[in-house]
């Protein structure tokens, strides 16, 4: 029973990990864009 639960958890992590990477990259791009626009407003 414990092995099945661990297997399911591992499969879920493997399936969702690429989605998490894309999300983190998207957040990084958003933060960069906000910083650039903030710099333009100050100048």
PDB file of N, CA and C in Angstrom:
ATOM      1  N   UNK A   1       0.830  -1.197   0.000  1.00  0.00           N
ATOM      2  CA  UNK A   1       0.000   0.000   0.000  1.00  0.00           C
ATOM      3  C   UNK A   1       0.872   1.256   0.000  1.00  0.00           C
ATOM      4  N   UNK A   2       1.885   1.287   0.838  1.00  0.00           N
ATOM      5  CA  UNK A   2       2.764   2.445   0.920  1.00  0.00           C
ATOM      6  C   UNK A   2       3.512   2.632  -0.396  1.00  0.00           C
ATOM      7  N   UNK A   3       3.927   1.534  -1.014  1.00  0.00           N
ATOM      8  CA  UNK A   3       4.642   1.628  -2.291  1.00  0.00           C
ATOM      9  C   UNK A   3       3.751   2.220  -3.372  1.00  0.00           C
ATOM     10  N   UNK A   4       2.475   1.884  -3.362  1.00  0.00           N
ATOM     11  CA  UNK A   4       1.554   2.435  -4.355  1.00  0.00           C
ATOM     12  C   UNK A   4       1.392   3.940  -4.162  1.00  0.00           C
ATOM     13  N   UNK A   5       1.270   4.353  -2.922  1.00  0.00           N
ATOM     14  CA  UNK A   5       1.125   5.786  -2.640  1.00  0.00           C
ATOM     15  C   UNK A   5       2.372   6.528  -3.094  1.00  0.00           C
ATOM     16  N   UNK A   6       3.544   5.999  -2.792  1.00  0.00           N
ATOM     17  CA  UNK A   6       4.781   6.642  -3.212  1.00  0.00           C
ATOM     18  C   UNK A   6       4.904   6.673  -4.731  1.00  0.00           C
ATOM     19  N   UNK A   7       4.467   5.615  -5.389  1.00  0.00           N
ATOM     20  CA  UNK A   7       4.501   5.577  -6.845  1.00  0.00           C
ATOM     21  C   UNK A   7       3.587   6.643  -7.445  1.00  0.00           C
ATOM     22  N   UNK A   8       2.404   6.781  -6.899  1.00  0.00           N
ATOM     23  CA  UNK A   8       1.464   7.792  -7.395  1.00  0.00           C
ATOM     24  C   UNK A   8       2.026   9.195  -7.175  1.00  0.00           C
ATOM     25  N   UNK A   9       2.591   9.437  -6.015  1.00  0.00           N
ATOM     26  CA  UNK A   9       3.177  10.751  -5.723  1.00  0.00           C
ATOM     27  C   UNK A   9       4.322  11.036  -6.687  1.00  0.00           C
ATOM     28  N   UNK A  10       5.173  10.057  -6.924  1.00  0.00           N
ATOM     29  CA  UNK A  10       6.298  10.244  -7.842  1.00  0.00           C
ATOM     30  C   UNK A  10       5.796  10.532  -9.258  1.00  0.00           C
ATOM     31  N   UNK A  11       4.774   9.829  -9.700  1.00  0.00           N
ATOM     32  CA  UNK A  11       4.220  10.068 -11.031  1.00  0.00           C
ATOM     33  C   UNK A  11       3.618  11.465 -11.146  1.00  0.00           C
ATOM     34  N   UNK A  12       2.915  11.897 -10.133  1.00  0.00           N
ATOM     35  CA  UNK A  12       2.320  13.235 -10.152  1.00  0.00           C
ATOM     36  C   UNK A  12       3.412  14.294 -10.221  1.00  0.00           C
ATOM     37  N   UNK A  13       4.470  14.127  -9.449  1.00  0.00           N
ATOM     38  CA  UNK A  13       5.584  15.085  -9.472  1.00  0.00           C
ATOM     39  C   UNK A  13       6.234  15.106 -10.854  1.00  0.00           C
ATOM     40  N   UNK A  14       6.438  13.944 -11.438  1.00  0.00           N
ATOM     41  CA  UNK A  14       7.062  13.876 -12.757  1.00  0.00           C
ATOM     42  C   UNK A  14       6.198  14.548 -13.820  1.00  0.00           C
ATOM     43  N   UNK A  15       4.889  14.411 -13.697  1.00  0.00           N
ATOM     44  CA  UNK A  15       3.981  15.000 -14.682  1.00  0.00           C
ATOM     45  C   UNK A  15       3.906  16.519 -14.511  1.00  0.00           C
ATOM     46  N   UNK A  16       3.899  16.991 -13.276  1.00  0.00           N
ATOM     47  CA  UNK A  16       3.719  18.419 -13.024  1.00  0.00           C
ATOM     48  C   UNK A  16       5.018  19.226 -13.056  1.00  0.00           C
ATOM     49  N   UNK A  17       6.171  18.577 -12.970  1.00  0.00           N
ATOM     50  CA  UNK A  17       7.424  19.325 -12.911  1.00  0.00           C
ATOM     51  C   UNK A  17       7.686  20.182 -14.147  1.00  0.00           C
ATOM     52  N   UNK A  18       7.415  19.741 -15.372  1.00  0.00           N
ATOM     53  CA  UNK A  18       7.617  20.648 -16.513  1.00  0.00           C
ATOM     54  C   UNK A  18       6.697  21.867 -16.459  1.00  0.00           C
ATOM     55  N   UNK A  19       5.499  21.684 -15.948  1.00  0.00           N
ATOM     56  CA  UNK A  19       4.583  22.813 -15.832  1.00  0.00           C
ATOM     57  C   UNK A  19       5.109  23.826 -14.828  1.00  0.00           C
ATOM     58  N   UNK A  20       5.702  23.338 -13.757  1.00  0.00           N
ATOM     59  CA  UNK A  20       6.262  24.238 -12.755  1.00  0.00           C
ATOM     60  C   UNK A  20       7.421  25.037 -13.309  1.00  0.00           C
ATOM     61  N   UNK A  21       8.250  24.416 -14.131  1.00  0.00           N
ATOM     62  CA  UNK A  21       9.379  25.128 -14.729  1.00  0.00           C
ATOM     63  C   UNK A  21       8.889  26.244 -15.624  1.00  0.00           C
ATOM     64  N   UNK A  22       7.862  25.972 -16.401  1.00  0.00           N
ATOM     65  CA  UNK A  22       7.326  27.002 -17.282  1.00  0.00           C
ATOM     66  C   UNK A  22       6.729  28.139 -16.476  1.00  0.00           C
ATOM     67  N   UNK A  23       6.092  27.819 -15.380  1.00  0.00           N
ATOM     68  CA  UNK A  23       5.496  28.845 -14.537  1.00  0.00           C
ATOM     69  C   UNK A  23       6.572  29.728 -13.934  1.00  0.00           C
ATOM     70  N   UNK A  24       7.640  29.135 -13.442  1.00  0.00           N
ATOM     71  CA  UNK A  24       8.729  29.908 -12.845  1.00  0.00           C
ATOM     72  C   UNK A  24       9.363  30.801 -13.894  1.00  0.00           C
ATOM     73  N   UNK A  25       9.562  30.298 -15.096  1.00  0.00           N
ATOM     74  CA  UNK A  25      10.126  31.116 -16.167  1.00  0.00           C
ATOM     75  C   UNK A  25       9.193  32.268 -16.492  1.00  0.00           C
ATOM     76  N   UNK A  26       7.914  32.021 -16.510  1.00  0.00           N
ATOM     77  CA  UNK A  26       6.938  33.077 -16.786  1.00  0.00           C
ATOM     78  C   UNK A  26       6.950  34.152 -15.730  1.00  0.00           C
ATOM     79  N   UNK A  27       7.073  33.754 -14.473  1.00  0.00           N
ATOM     80  CA  UNK A  27       7.133  34.722 -13.386  1.00  0.00           C
ATOM     81  C   UNK A  27       8.392  35.564 -13.509  1.00  0.00           C
ATOM     82  N   UNK A  28       9.501  34.917 -13.854  1.00  0.00           N
ATOM     83  CA  UNK A  28      10.758  35.649 -14.038  1.00  0.00           C
ATOM     84  C   UNK A  28      10.652  36.683 -15.139  1.00  0.00           C
ATOM     85  N   UNK A  29      10.010  36.328 -16.246  1.00  0.00           N
ATOM     86  CA  UNK A  29       9.822  37.271 -17.347  1.00  0.00           C
ATOM     87  C   UNK A  29       8.924  38.427 -16.920  1.00  0.00           C
ATOM     88  N   UNK A  30       7.872  38.133 -16.154  1.00  0.00           N
ATOM     89  CA  UNK A  30       6.975  39.185 -15.684  1.00  0.00           C
ATOM     90  C   UNK A  30       7.711  40.160 -14.775  1.00  0.00           C
ATOM     91  N   UNK A  31       8.522  39.629 -13.866  1.00  0.00           N
ATOM     92  CA  UNK A  31       9.269  40.493 -12.942  1.00  0.00           C
ATOM     93  C   UNK A  31      10.255  41.359 -13.711  1.00  0.00           C
ATOM     94  N   UNK A  32      10.917  40.784 -14.702  1.00  0.00           N
ATOM     95  CA  UNK A  32      11.855  41.554 -15.520  1.00  0.00           C
ATOM     96  C   UNK A  32      11.123  42.663 -16.261  1.00  0.00           C
ATOM     97  N   UNK A  33       9.977  42.355 -16.826  1.00  0.00           N
ATOM     98  CA  UNK A  33       9.206  43.346 -17.570  1.00  0.00           C
ATOM     99  C   UNK A  33       8.766  44.487 -16.657  1.00  0.00           C
ATOM    100  N   UNK A  34       8.299  44.140 -15.456  1.00  0.00           N
ATOM    101  CA  UNK A  34       7.867  45.161 -14.502  1.00  0.00           C
ATOM    102  C   UNK A  34       9.042  46.059 -14.120  1.00  0.00           C
ATOM    103  N   UNK A  35      10.208  45.467 -13.910  1.00  0.00           N
ATOM    104  CA  UNK A  35      11.396  46.256 -13.584  1.00  0.00           C
ATOM    105  C   UNK A  35      11.786  47.199 -14.699  1.00  0.00           C
ATOM    106  N   UNK A  36      11.718  46.721 -15.929  1.00  0.00           N
ATOM    107  CA  UNK A  36      12.055  47.561 -17.084  1.00  0.00           C
ATOM    108  C   UNK A  36      11.061  48.728 -17.205  1.00  0.00           C
ATOM    109  N   UNK A  37       9.783  48.450 -17.063  1.00  0.00           N
ATOM    110  CA  UNK A  37       8.782  49.512 -17.176  1.00  0.00           C
ATOM    111  C   UNK A  37       8.930  50.507 -16.031  1.00  0.00           C
ATOM    112  N   UNK A  38       9.255  50.024 -14.837  1.00  0.00           N
ATOM    113  CA  UNK A  38       9.478  50.925 -13.703  1.00  0.00           C
ATOM    114  C   UNK A  38      10.667  51.838 -13.957  1.00  0.00           C
ATOM    115  N   UNK A  39      11.721  51.302 -14.555  1.00  0.00           N
ATOM    116  CA  UNK A  39      12.900  52.110 -14.884  1.00  0.00           C
ATOM    117  C   UNK A  39      12.560  53.174 -15.928  1.00  0.00           C
ATOM    118  N   UNK A  40      11.736  52.800 -16.888  1.00  0.00           N
ATOM    119  CA  UNK A  40      11.328  53.773 -17.919  1.00  0.00           C
ATOM    120  C   UNK A  40      10.517  54.912 -17.316  1.00  0.00           C
ATOM    121  N   UNK A  41       9.690  54.613 -16.333  1.00  0.00           N
ATOM    122  CA  UNK A  41       8.880  55.658 -15.708  1.00  0.00           C
ATOM    123  C   UNK A  41       9.748  56.627 -14.901  1.00  0.00           C
ATOM    124  N   UNK A  42      10.788  56.119 -14.282  1.00  0.00           N
ATOM    125  CA  UNK A  42      11.647  56.960 -13.444  1.00  0.00           C
ATOM    126  C   UNK A  42      12.496  57.886 -14.310  1.00  0.00           C
ATOM    127  N   UNK A  43      12.900  57.427 -15.474  1.00  0.00           N
ATOM    128  CA  UNK A  43      13.766  58.240 -16.349  1.00  0.00           C
ATOM    129  C   UNK A  43      13.007  59.324 -16.967  1.00  0.00           C
TER     130      UNK A  43
END
